[in-house]
Structure formats: C-alpha cells, structure tokens
N, C-alpha and C. Protein backbone atom coordinates (compact mmCIF):
# COMPACT_ATOMS: atom_id res chain seq x y z
N MET A 1 -22.71 5.38 32.07
CA MET A 1 -22.19 5.05 30.78
C MET A 1 -22.87 5.86 29.68
N ASP A 2 -24.17 6.12 29.84
CA ASP A 2 -24.87 6.86 28.80
C ASP A 2 -24.31 8.27 28.62
N ASP A 3 -23.74 8.84 29.69
CA ASP A 3 -23.19 10.20 29.64
C ASP A 3 -21.77 10.24 29.08
N THR A 4 -21.16 9.08 28.92
CA THR A 4 -19.79 9.03 28.42
C THR A 4 -19.80 9.06 26.90
N GLY A 5 -19.07 9.97 26.34
CA GLY A 5 -19.01 10.10 24.88
C GLY A 5 -18.01 9.14 24.26
N LYS A 6 -18.10 9.01 22.98
CA LYS A 6 -17.15 8.18 22.25
C LYS A 6 -15.79 8.85 22.25
N ILE A 7 -14.75 8.04 22.24
CA ILE A 7 -13.39 8.57 22.22
C ILE A 7 -13.14 9.29 20.89
N ALA A 8 -13.62 8.72 19.80
CA ALA A 8 -13.39 9.35 18.49
C ALA A 8 -14.54 8.98 17.55
N GLU A 9 -14.87 9.91 16.73
CA GLU A 9 -15.86 9.65 15.68
C GLU A 9 -15.11 9.26 14.42
N ARG A 10 -15.55 8.21 13.77
CA ARG A 10 -14.89 7.77 12.55
C ARG A 10 -15.84 7.87 11.36
N ASN A 11 -16.65 8.91 11.36
CA ASN A 11 -17.64 9.02 10.31
C ASN A 11 -17.18 9.89 9.14
N GLN A 12 -15.92 10.37 9.19
CA GLN A 12 -15.42 11.15 8.07
C GLN A 12 -15.08 10.22 6.92
N THR A 13 -15.49 10.61 5.74
CA THR A 13 -15.14 9.80 4.58
C THR A 13 -13.73 10.15 4.14
N ARG A 14 -13.05 9.17 3.64
CA ARG A 14 -11.70 9.41 3.13
C ARG A 14 -11.81 9.96 1.72
N GLU A 15 -11.11 11.02 1.48
CA GLU A 15 -11.13 11.62 0.16
C GLU A 15 -10.23 10.82 -0.78
N ILE A 16 -10.68 10.71 -2.02
CA ILE A 16 -9.84 10.06 -3.02
C ILE A 16 -8.96 11.12 -3.66
N LEU A 17 -8.03 10.67 -4.45
CA LEU A 17 -7.12 11.58 -5.15
C LEU A 17 -7.61 11.79 -6.57
N THR A 18 -7.48 12.99 -7.06
CA THR A 18 -7.84 13.28 -8.44
C THR A 18 -6.71 12.83 -9.36
N THR A 19 -6.98 12.77 -10.64
CA THR A 19 -5.95 12.41 -11.61
C THR A 19 -4.78 13.40 -11.54
N ASP A 20 -5.08 14.68 -11.41
CA ASP A 20 -4.04 15.69 -11.30
C ASP A 20 -3.17 15.46 -10.06
N GLU A 21 -3.80 15.11 -8.94
CA GLU A 21 -3.05 14.85 -7.71
C GLU A 21 -2.19 13.60 -7.83
N ILE A 22 -2.71 12.57 -8.49
CA ILE A 22 -1.92 11.35 -8.71
C ILE A 22 -0.70 11.69 -9.56
N ASN A 23 -0.89 12.51 -10.59
CA ASN A 23 0.23 12.92 -11.43
C ASN A 23 1.26 13.74 -10.65
N LYS A 24 0.80 14.52 -9.68
CA LYS A 24 1.74 15.27 -8.83
C LYS A 24 2.50 14.34 -7.90
N LEU A 25 1.81 13.32 -7.36
CA LEU A 25 2.47 12.37 -6.46
C LEU A 25 3.43 11.44 -7.18
N PHE A 26 3.09 11.08 -8.42
CA PHE A 26 3.90 10.14 -9.19
C PHE A 26 4.27 10.76 -10.54
N PRO A 27 5.10 11.82 -10.51
CA PRO A 27 5.46 12.49 -11.77
C PRO A 27 6.37 11.60 -12.62
N ALA A 28 6.38 11.86 -13.93
CA ALA A 28 7.22 11.10 -14.86
C ALA A 28 8.70 11.40 -14.63
N ASP A 29 9.02 12.60 -14.21
CA ASP A 29 10.40 12.99 -13.96
C ASP A 29 10.89 12.27 -12.69
N GLU A 30 11.88 11.39 -12.86
CA GLU A 30 12.31 10.54 -11.74
C GLU A 30 13.00 11.32 -10.62
N SER A 31 13.68 12.41 -10.94
CA SER A 31 14.29 13.20 -9.86
C SER A 31 13.21 13.85 -9.00
N GLU A 32 12.13 14.30 -9.64
CA GLU A 32 11.00 14.87 -8.90
C GLU A 32 10.29 13.77 -8.10
N LEU A 33 10.14 12.61 -8.69
CA LEU A 33 9.53 11.47 -8.01
C LEU A 33 10.30 11.13 -6.73
N LEU A 34 11.62 11.08 -6.83
CA LEU A 34 12.45 10.80 -5.66
C LEU A 34 12.41 11.94 -4.63
N ARG A 35 12.28 13.16 -5.09
CA ARG A 35 12.16 14.28 -4.16
C ARG A 35 10.88 14.15 -3.33
N ILE A 36 9.82 13.71 -3.97
CA ILE A 36 8.52 13.58 -3.27
C ILE A 36 8.52 12.40 -2.31
N TRP A 37 9.00 11.22 -2.75
CA TRP A 37 8.88 10.00 -1.96
C TRP A 37 10.13 9.64 -1.17
N LEU A 38 11.27 10.20 -1.54
CA LEU A 38 12.55 10.03 -0.84
C LEU A 38 13.29 8.72 -1.12
N SER A 39 12.63 7.70 -1.61
CA SER A 39 13.32 6.44 -1.91
C SER A 39 12.47 5.59 -2.86
N TRP A 40 13.16 4.67 -3.55
CA TRP A 40 12.44 3.73 -4.42
C TRP A 40 11.54 2.81 -3.61
N GLU A 41 11.94 2.55 -2.38
CA GLU A 41 11.11 1.71 -1.51
C GLU A 41 9.71 2.31 -1.35
N TRP A 42 9.66 3.61 -0.98
CA TRP A 42 8.36 4.22 -0.75
C TRP A 42 7.62 4.48 -2.05
N ILE A 43 8.34 4.79 -3.11
CA ILE A 43 7.68 4.96 -4.41
C ILE A 43 6.97 3.67 -4.79
N SER A 44 7.69 2.55 -4.72
CA SER A 44 7.08 1.28 -5.13
C SER A 44 5.98 0.85 -4.16
N PHE A 45 6.17 1.08 -2.86
CA PHE A 45 5.15 0.71 -1.87
C PHE A 45 3.81 1.35 -2.22
N PHE A 46 3.84 2.67 -2.46
CA PHE A 46 2.58 3.39 -2.66
C PHE A 46 2.04 3.26 -4.08
N ILE A 47 2.87 3.08 -5.10
CA ILE A 47 2.34 2.87 -6.46
C ILE A 47 1.68 1.49 -6.54
N ILE A 48 2.22 0.52 -5.80
CA ILE A 48 1.58 -0.80 -5.76
C ILE A 48 0.23 -0.71 -5.04
N GLU A 49 0.18 0.04 -3.95
CA GLU A 49 -1.10 0.22 -3.25
C GLU A 49 -2.13 0.86 -4.19
N LEU A 50 -1.72 1.90 -4.91
CA LEU A 50 -2.63 2.62 -5.80
C LEU A 50 -3.06 1.78 -7.00
N THR A 51 -2.13 1.10 -7.65
CA THR A 51 -2.45 0.44 -8.92
C THR A 51 -2.93 -1.00 -8.78
N CYS A 52 -2.76 -1.57 -7.60
CA CYS A 52 -3.25 -2.94 -7.38
C CYS A 52 -4.47 -2.98 -6.48
N GLY A 53 -4.84 -1.85 -5.90
CA GLY A 53 -5.99 -1.82 -4.99
C GLY A 53 -5.73 -2.57 -3.71
N LEU A 54 -4.52 -2.44 -3.18
CA LEU A 54 -4.15 -3.14 -1.95
C LEU A 54 -4.21 -2.20 -0.76
N ARG A 55 -4.54 -2.77 0.38
CA ARG A 55 -4.48 -2.02 1.63
C ARG A 55 -3.02 -1.94 2.06
N PRO A 56 -2.68 -0.96 2.90
CA PRO A 56 -1.29 -0.84 3.35
C PRO A 56 -0.74 -2.11 3.99
N GLY A 57 -1.56 -2.81 4.77
CA GLY A 57 -1.11 -4.05 5.40
C GLY A 57 -0.80 -5.14 4.39
N GLU A 58 -1.54 -5.15 3.29
CA GLU A 58 -1.27 -6.13 2.25
C GLU A 58 0.05 -5.84 1.55
N VAL A 59 0.34 -4.56 1.32
CA VAL A 59 1.61 -4.20 0.71
C VAL A 59 2.76 -4.52 1.68
N ALA A 60 2.57 -4.21 2.96
CA ALA A 60 3.60 -4.49 3.96
C ALA A 60 3.87 -5.98 4.09
N ALA A 61 2.90 -6.81 3.75
CA ALA A 61 3.05 -8.26 3.89
C ALA A 61 3.62 -8.95 2.64
N LEU A 62 3.92 -8.20 1.60
CA LEU A 62 4.45 -8.81 0.38
C LEU A 62 5.80 -9.47 0.65
N LYS A 63 5.95 -10.68 0.13
CA LYS A 63 7.20 -11.43 0.27
C LYS A 63 7.84 -11.59 -1.11
N TRP A 64 9.17 -11.57 -1.14
CA TRP A 64 9.86 -11.79 -2.41
C TRP A 64 9.55 -13.17 -2.96
N ALA A 65 9.33 -14.15 -2.11
CA ALA A 65 9.02 -15.51 -2.58
C ALA A 65 7.70 -15.57 -3.34
N ASP A 66 6.83 -14.59 -3.11
CA ASP A 66 5.52 -14.57 -3.76
C ASP A 66 5.51 -13.70 -5.02
N TYR A 67 6.66 -13.14 -5.37
CA TYR A 67 6.78 -12.28 -6.55
C TYR A 67 6.98 -13.14 -7.80
N ARG A 68 6.21 -12.84 -8.83
CA ARG A 68 6.31 -13.52 -10.13
C ARG A 68 6.68 -12.47 -11.17
N PRO A 69 7.95 -12.44 -11.63
CA PRO A 69 8.37 -11.43 -12.61
C PRO A 69 7.44 -11.36 -13.82
N GLY A 70 7.10 -10.15 -14.20
CA GLY A 70 6.21 -9.93 -15.33
C GLY A 70 4.74 -10.08 -15.00
N LEU A 71 4.43 -10.53 -13.81
CA LEU A 71 3.03 -10.72 -13.39
C LEU A 71 2.70 -9.90 -12.16
N GLY A 72 3.30 -10.26 -11.04
CA GLY A 72 3.00 -9.57 -9.80
C GLY A 72 3.21 -10.46 -8.61
N PHE A 73 2.26 -10.42 -7.68
CA PHE A 73 2.37 -11.14 -6.42
C PHE A 73 1.11 -11.97 -6.17
N ILE A 74 1.27 -13.01 -5.39
CA ILE A 74 0.15 -13.68 -4.76
C ILE A 74 0.11 -13.13 -3.34
N ILE A 75 -0.96 -12.43 -3.00
CA ILE A 75 -1.08 -11.79 -1.70
C ILE A 75 -1.63 -12.78 -0.69
N HIS A 76 -0.91 -12.97 0.39
CA HIS A 76 -1.38 -13.82 1.48
C HIS A 76 -2.03 -12.91 2.52
N ARG A 77 -2.99 -13.42 3.22
CA ARG A 77 -3.84 -12.58 4.05
C ARG A 77 -3.28 -12.16 5.39
N SER A 78 -2.41 -12.91 5.99
CA SER A 78 -1.78 -12.43 7.22
C SER A 78 -0.49 -13.20 7.44
N TYR A 79 0.43 -12.57 8.10
CA TYR A 79 1.71 -13.15 8.41
C TYR A 79 2.04 -12.87 9.87
N ASP A 80 2.70 -13.80 10.48
CA ASP A 80 3.21 -13.59 11.83
C ASP A 80 4.72 -13.52 11.75
N TYR A 81 5.32 -12.57 12.45
CA TYR A 81 6.76 -12.43 12.50
C TYR A 81 7.21 -12.27 13.93
N ASP A 82 8.36 -12.84 14.24
CA ASP A 82 8.96 -12.66 15.54
C ASP A 82 9.86 -11.44 15.46
N THR A 83 9.43 -10.35 16.06
CA THR A 83 10.17 -9.10 16.02
C THR A 83 10.55 -8.72 17.44
N LYS A 84 11.83 -8.59 17.69
CA LYS A 84 12.33 -8.24 19.03
C LYS A 84 11.75 -9.16 20.10
N GLY A 85 11.65 -10.45 19.79
CA GLY A 85 11.19 -11.42 20.77
C GLY A 85 9.70 -11.47 21.00
N THR A 86 8.92 -10.70 20.26
CA THR A 86 7.47 -10.75 20.41
C THR A 86 6.84 -11.09 19.07
N LYS A 87 5.73 -11.77 19.13
CA LYS A 87 5.01 -12.10 17.89
C LYS A 87 4.23 -10.89 17.42
N ASP A 88 4.46 -10.48 16.19
CA ASP A 88 3.71 -9.39 15.58
C ASP A 88 2.96 -9.93 14.39
N LYS A 89 1.83 -9.35 14.13
CA LYS A 89 1.03 -9.78 12.99
C LYS A 89 0.88 -8.60 12.05
N ILE A 90 1.16 -8.84 10.77
CA ILE A 90 0.86 -7.85 9.76
C ILE A 90 -0.58 -8.10 9.36
N LYS A 91 -1.43 -7.14 9.64
CA LYS A 91 -2.85 -7.31 9.36
C LYS A 91 -3.13 -6.98 7.90
N THR A 92 -3.88 -7.85 7.25
CA THR A 92 -4.28 -7.56 5.89
C THR A 92 -5.78 -7.33 5.85
N ASP A 93 -6.59 -8.36 5.97
CA ASP A 93 -8.02 -8.13 6.07
C ASP A 93 -8.68 -9.25 6.86
N LYS A 94 -9.99 -9.15 7.03
CA LYS A 94 -10.72 -10.12 7.85
C LYS A 94 -11.66 -10.99 7.01
N LYS A 95 -11.46 -11.04 5.71
CA LYS A 95 -12.39 -11.77 4.85
C LYS A 95 -12.15 -13.28 4.86
N GLY A 96 -11.01 -13.73 5.34
CA GLY A 96 -10.76 -15.15 5.43
C GLY A 96 -10.17 -15.76 4.15
N MET A 97 -9.86 -14.94 3.16
CA MET A 97 -9.23 -15.45 1.95
C MET A 97 -7.80 -15.87 2.26
N LYS A 98 -7.35 -16.92 1.62
CA LYS A 98 -5.96 -17.33 1.80
C LYS A 98 -5.03 -16.52 0.92
N GLY A 99 -5.49 -16.04 -0.21
CA GLY A 99 -4.64 -15.25 -1.07
C GLY A 99 -5.40 -14.69 -2.25
N LYS A 100 -4.78 -13.72 -2.92
CA LYS A 100 -5.35 -13.16 -4.13
C LYS A 100 -4.21 -12.66 -4.99
N PRO A 101 -4.41 -12.55 -6.28
CA PRO A 101 -3.34 -12.02 -7.12
C PRO A 101 -3.29 -10.50 -7.08
N ALA A 102 -2.11 -9.97 -7.25
CA ALA A 102 -1.91 -8.52 -7.41
C ALA A 102 -1.08 -8.35 -8.68
N VAL A 103 -1.73 -7.97 -9.75
CA VAL A 103 -1.06 -7.81 -11.04
C VAL A 103 -0.39 -6.44 -11.06
N LEU A 104 0.90 -6.43 -11.37
CA LEU A 104 1.64 -5.17 -11.39
C LEU A 104 1.62 -4.56 -12.78
N ILE A 105 1.34 -3.28 -12.85
CA ILE A 105 1.50 -2.57 -14.12
C ILE A 105 3.00 -2.36 -14.32
N ASP A 106 3.40 -2.08 -15.55
CA ASP A 106 4.82 -1.98 -15.88
C ASP A 106 5.58 -1.01 -14.98
N ILE A 107 5.02 0.17 -14.77
CA ILE A 107 5.74 1.18 -13.99
C ILE A 107 5.88 0.75 -12.52
N ALA A 108 4.89 0.07 -11.97
CA ALA A 108 4.98 -0.42 -10.59
C ALA A 108 6.08 -1.48 -10.49
N GLU A 109 6.15 -2.35 -11.48
CA GLU A 109 7.21 -3.36 -11.46
C GLU A 109 8.59 -2.72 -11.62
N LYS A 110 8.68 -1.72 -12.47
CA LYS A 110 9.94 -1.00 -12.66
C LYS A 110 10.42 -0.40 -11.33
N TYR A 111 9.52 0.25 -10.61
CA TYR A 111 9.89 0.85 -9.33
C TYR A 111 10.19 -0.21 -8.27
N LEU A 112 9.46 -1.31 -8.29
CA LEU A 112 9.72 -2.41 -7.36
C LEU A 112 11.14 -2.94 -7.57
N LEU A 113 11.53 -3.14 -8.83
CA LEU A 113 12.85 -3.67 -9.11
C LEU A 113 13.94 -2.65 -8.79
N ARG A 114 13.64 -1.38 -8.91
CA ARG A 114 14.61 -0.34 -8.48
C ARG A 114 14.79 -0.42 -6.97
N HIS A 115 13.71 -0.66 -6.27
CA HIS A 115 13.80 -0.82 -4.80
C HIS A 115 14.67 -2.03 -4.46
N ARG A 116 14.48 -3.13 -5.15
CA ARG A 116 15.24 -4.35 -4.88
C ARG A 116 16.70 -4.19 -5.27
N GLY A 117 16.95 -3.48 -6.38
CA GLY A 117 18.32 -3.35 -6.87
C GLY A 117 18.68 -4.53 -7.75
N ASP A 118 19.92 -4.63 -8.11
CA ASP A 118 20.38 -5.67 -9.02
C ASP A 118 20.57 -7.02 -8.35
N LYS A 119 20.64 -7.04 -7.05
CA LYS A 119 20.91 -8.29 -6.36
C LYS A 119 19.60 -8.98 -5.97
N GLN A 120 19.65 -10.28 -5.89
CA GLN A 120 18.51 -11.03 -5.38
C GLN A 120 18.43 -10.78 -3.88
N PRO A 121 17.23 -10.66 -3.33
CA PRO A 121 17.11 -10.37 -1.90
C PRO A 121 17.66 -11.52 -1.06
N THR A 122 18.34 -11.16 0.00
CA THR A 122 18.82 -12.15 0.95
C THR A 122 18.39 -11.71 2.34
N GLY A 123 18.40 -12.64 3.25
CA GLY A 123 18.03 -12.29 4.62
C GLY A 123 16.53 -12.14 4.78
N PHE A 124 16.08 -10.96 5.14
CA PHE A 124 14.68 -10.74 5.46
C PHE A 124 13.81 -11.01 4.24
N GLU A 125 12.74 -11.73 4.39
CA GLU A 125 11.92 -12.17 3.27
C GLU A 125 10.88 -11.17 2.80
N LEU A 126 10.56 -10.18 3.61
CA LEU A 126 9.57 -9.20 3.20
C LEU A 126 10.15 -8.24 2.17
N VAL A 127 9.31 -7.82 1.23
CA VAL A 127 9.73 -6.83 0.24
C VAL A 127 10.02 -5.50 0.91
N TYR A 128 9.18 -5.13 1.85
CA TYR A 128 9.32 -3.86 2.57
C TYR A 128 9.54 -4.18 4.04
N HIS A 129 10.65 -3.72 4.57
CA HIS A 129 10.90 -3.97 5.98
C HIS A 129 11.71 -2.84 6.59
N ASN A 130 11.56 -2.74 7.87
CA ASN A 130 12.23 -1.74 8.68
C ASN A 130 13.45 -2.41 9.30
N THR A 131 14.61 -1.84 9.12
CA THR A 131 15.82 -2.47 9.65
C THR A 131 15.87 -2.45 11.17
N THR A 132 15.09 -1.58 11.81
CA THR A 132 15.09 -1.49 13.26
C THR A 132 14.31 -2.64 13.89
N ASN A 133 13.07 -2.85 13.43
CA ASN A 133 12.25 -3.87 14.08
C ASN A 133 11.52 -4.79 13.12
N GLY A 134 11.91 -4.83 11.88
CA GLY A 134 11.32 -5.79 10.96
C GLY A 134 10.23 -5.23 10.08
N VAL A 135 9.01 -5.37 10.50
CA VAL A 135 7.86 -5.06 9.65
C VAL A 135 7.59 -3.55 9.57
N ILE A 136 7.01 -3.15 8.44
CA ILE A 136 6.55 -1.77 8.27
C ILE A 136 5.16 -1.69 8.90
N ILE A 137 5.01 -0.86 9.90
CA ILE A 137 3.71 -0.72 10.55
C ILE A 137 2.95 0.44 9.89
N PRO A 138 1.61 0.43 9.98
CA PRO A 138 0.82 1.48 9.32
C PRO A 138 1.21 2.90 9.71
N GLU A 139 1.58 3.11 10.96
CA GLU A 139 1.95 4.46 11.38
C GLU A 139 3.17 4.96 10.60
N THR A 140 4.11 4.06 10.32
CA THR A 140 5.31 4.44 9.58
C THR A 140 4.98 4.78 8.13
N SER A 141 4.22 3.91 7.48
CA SER A 141 3.89 4.17 6.08
C SER A 141 2.99 5.39 5.95
N ASN A 142 2.08 5.61 6.89
CA ASN A 142 1.21 6.79 6.81
C ASN A 142 2.02 8.07 7.01
N LYS A 143 3.03 8.03 7.86
CA LYS A 143 3.91 9.18 8.05
C LYS A 143 4.59 9.54 6.72
N HIS A 144 5.06 8.54 6.00
CA HIS A 144 5.70 8.79 4.71
C HIS A 144 4.71 9.31 3.68
N PHE A 145 3.48 8.79 3.72
CA PHE A 145 2.45 9.26 2.79
C PHE A 145 2.15 10.74 3.04
N LYS A 146 1.98 11.11 4.31
CA LYS A 146 1.69 12.51 4.64
C LYS A 146 2.83 13.43 4.19
N GLY A 147 4.07 12.98 4.37
CA GLY A 147 5.21 13.77 3.92
C GLY A 147 5.22 13.94 2.41
N ALA A 148 4.87 12.89 1.69
CA ALA A 148 4.83 12.97 0.22
C ALA A 148 3.75 13.95 -0.24
N LEU A 149 2.59 13.92 0.41
CA LEU A 149 1.54 14.88 0.07
C LEU A 149 2.05 16.31 0.25
N LYS A 150 2.74 16.55 1.35
CA LYS A 150 3.26 17.89 1.63
C LYS A 150 4.29 18.30 0.57
N ARG A 151 5.22 17.40 0.25
CA ARG A 151 6.24 17.73 -0.74
C ARG A 151 5.65 17.92 -2.14
N ALA A 152 4.53 17.23 -2.43
CA ALA A 152 3.86 17.38 -3.73
C ALA A 152 2.89 18.56 -3.73
N LYS A 153 2.78 19.24 -2.59
CA LYS A 153 1.88 20.40 -2.43
C LYS A 153 0.42 20.03 -2.69
N ILE A 154 0.01 18.93 -2.07
CA ILE A 154 -1.38 18.46 -2.14
C ILE A 154 -1.98 18.60 -0.75
N GLU A 155 -3.14 19.23 -0.66
CA GLU A 155 -3.83 19.38 0.63
C GLU A 155 -4.17 18.00 1.19
N ARG A 156 -3.87 17.80 2.46
CA ARG A 156 -4.12 16.51 3.08
C ARG A 156 -5.60 16.27 3.33
N ASN A 157 -6.30 17.26 3.85
CA ASN A 157 -7.73 17.13 4.18
C ASN A 157 -7.97 15.82 4.93
N ASN A 158 -8.88 14.98 4.46
CA ASN A 158 -9.17 13.70 5.11
C ASN A 158 -8.43 12.55 4.43
N ARG A 159 -7.28 12.83 3.89
CA ARG A 159 -6.54 11.80 3.16
C ARG A 159 -5.51 11.13 4.06
N THR A 160 -5.48 9.82 3.95
CA THR A 160 -4.45 9.00 4.56
C THR A 160 -3.97 8.06 3.47
N GLN A 161 -3.07 7.17 3.81
CA GLN A 161 -2.60 6.21 2.81
C GLN A 161 -3.75 5.36 2.27
N TYR A 162 -4.82 5.20 3.03
CA TYR A 162 -5.97 4.44 2.56
C TYR A 162 -6.67 5.14 1.39
N SER A 163 -6.42 6.43 1.22
CA SER A 163 -7.01 7.16 0.09
C SER A 163 -6.56 6.56 -1.24
N LEU A 164 -5.36 5.99 -1.30
CA LEU A 164 -4.90 5.34 -2.53
C LEU A 164 -5.77 4.14 -2.85
N TRP A 165 -6.08 3.35 -1.83
CA TRP A 165 -6.94 2.18 -2.02
C TRP A 165 -8.35 2.62 -2.43
N HIS A 166 -8.88 3.66 -1.79
CA HIS A 166 -10.21 4.17 -2.16
C HIS A 166 -10.20 4.76 -3.57
N THR A 167 -9.11 5.38 -3.96
CA THR A 167 -8.99 5.91 -5.32
C THR A 167 -9.05 4.77 -6.33
N TYR A 168 -8.34 3.67 -6.05
CA TYR A 168 -8.37 2.50 -6.93
C TYR A 168 -9.80 1.98 -7.06
N ASP A 169 -10.48 1.82 -5.93
CA ASP A 169 -11.86 1.32 -5.96
C ASP A 169 -12.77 2.23 -6.78
N THR A 170 -12.63 3.52 -6.59
CA THR A 170 -13.47 4.48 -7.31
C THR A 170 -13.23 4.38 -8.81
N GLN A 171 -11.97 4.30 -9.20
CA GLN A 171 -11.64 4.18 -10.62
C GLN A 171 -12.09 2.83 -11.18
N ALA A 172 -11.94 1.76 -10.38
CA ALA A 172 -12.35 0.43 -10.84
C ALA A 172 -13.85 0.36 -11.08
N LEU A 173 -14.65 1.09 -10.27
CA LEU A 173 -16.10 1.08 -10.44
C LEU A 173 -16.54 1.74 -11.75
N VAL A 174 -15.65 2.51 -12.38
CA VAL A 174 -15.96 3.07 -13.69
C VAL A 174 -16.03 1.94 -14.72
N GLU A 175 -15.18 0.92 -14.53
CA GLU A 175 -15.08 -0.19 -15.48
C GLU A 175 -15.83 -1.45 -15.03
N LEU A 176 -15.95 -1.64 -13.73
CA LEU A 176 -16.53 -2.87 -13.19
C LEU A 176 -17.81 -2.57 -12.42
N ASP A 177 -18.72 -3.52 -12.39
CA ASP A 177 -19.89 -3.34 -11.53
C ASP A 177 -19.48 -3.67 -10.09
N PHE A 178 -20.31 -3.25 -9.15
CA PHE A 178 -19.99 -3.39 -7.73
C PHE A 178 -19.77 -4.85 -7.33
N ASP A 179 -20.61 -5.76 -7.83
CA ASP A 179 -20.47 -7.18 -7.47
C ASP A 179 -19.13 -7.75 -7.94
N THR A 180 -18.70 -7.38 -9.15
CA THR A 180 -17.41 -7.86 -9.65
C THR A 180 -16.27 -7.32 -8.80
N LEU A 181 -16.32 -6.04 -8.46
CA LEU A 181 -15.28 -5.46 -7.62
C LEU A 181 -15.27 -6.12 -6.25
N ASN A 182 -16.42 -6.39 -5.69
CA ASN A 182 -16.51 -7.07 -4.39
C ASN A 182 -15.88 -8.44 -4.45
N ARG A 183 -16.07 -9.18 -5.55
CA ARG A 183 -15.49 -10.51 -5.69
C ARG A 183 -13.97 -10.46 -5.72
N LEU A 184 -13.39 -9.35 -6.18
CA LEU A 184 -11.94 -9.21 -6.15
C LEU A 184 -11.42 -9.24 -4.73
N TYR A 185 -12.25 -8.79 -3.78
CA TYR A 185 -11.81 -8.71 -2.39
C TYR A 185 -12.20 -9.93 -1.57
N ASP A 186 -13.31 -10.58 -1.91
CA ASP A 186 -13.70 -11.72 -1.06
C ASP A 186 -13.37 -13.08 -1.66
N GLY A 187 -12.80 -13.09 -2.87
CA GLY A 187 -12.31 -14.34 -3.45
C GLY A 187 -13.36 -15.25 -4.02
N SER A 188 -14.59 -14.80 -4.15
CA SER A 188 -15.62 -15.68 -4.71
C SER A 188 -15.68 -15.59 -6.21
C-alpha cells in the first residue's frame, strides 16, 4: 500500500475571476450575454452562484416554493428526488444547517424571472432542472460554465464553476471579517 500513489492530487487552488473577467462573462449587452451562456436558465444559475455566494449544489436545489419576490430564496441544505426510479440527492453542504437566506440583487432576479417566463411554474418544483432526468448535476453545470468561459475568451486555467463561489468569498472578505463570513455559512 505504501508504494501505491494517490489517484489524484487536489492541492491546486481554484482561481477566482477578476472584475474584467466577470464583466466579460456577464456583459450588459443582452445579446452578448445570451451568446456566452446560451439561455436565461444558465445566465440566472451562474449569476445567482456568483452574487449570492452559493455552491453549485445549492443553486441546483433551489425550489420555486422557496422564492420570495423582491428578496430571494431560503436555501435548504439537501433534497432527495426520485429520478428514473432511483433516489438521488442534490448535495449542498455538510454543515448541518437547515437553511439560509440568499438575497438576490436586482439583475439576478431579472434574469431568474426571464428564465421562468411569464407563467407561474407548474410541474417540476426545482428552479433548474433537466428534462431528461430531473436534477442538474454538477458535471452538467460545469460543462456549461467551461463553455461560457471559452465563448467569453477567458482562460480556464484552474477555474471551475466553484470559482464563482470563491470569487464571492474573496470579494466579501473585503467588506466582512473572516468570522462574519464564516457565520454566513454555518448559520451561527
């Protein structure tokens, strides 16, 4: 066993996005925005991740029933769904919190409502879902994130969709001390 190496090293740090890169990913011109992200669904998914400091699993777990117009969402920590006859879990985190608020900035809410359209949601309760098998899995959302980086002409380097969450944390630490930021995640 001592001679067996690790399957993968996970010691690479995730790079955050610069302000210029964020502006390239989320340009003010809506036709350019749609060219980069391909749909209002993915635009709203990733702007919510960036501006609310949510992990991809937390965004994937958002339910319309938890949406409060003009405010945001109450994030629940995990959900179980029956997908194709098997129980699947949307993973959020391991902190044991039952929920936390996610306050939406105006532009994130605007894009969320564009994703929803004029009609009230019916059928599937998740805000973001895959018509094939229900839930949005991390591999799917990360594939879309990588494509958006390419279309925005941003070097991927060590960036994944988690880079949006790390960018939020980095920016939040400019305004908040570490203990306050930590309390946002552990609910104390």
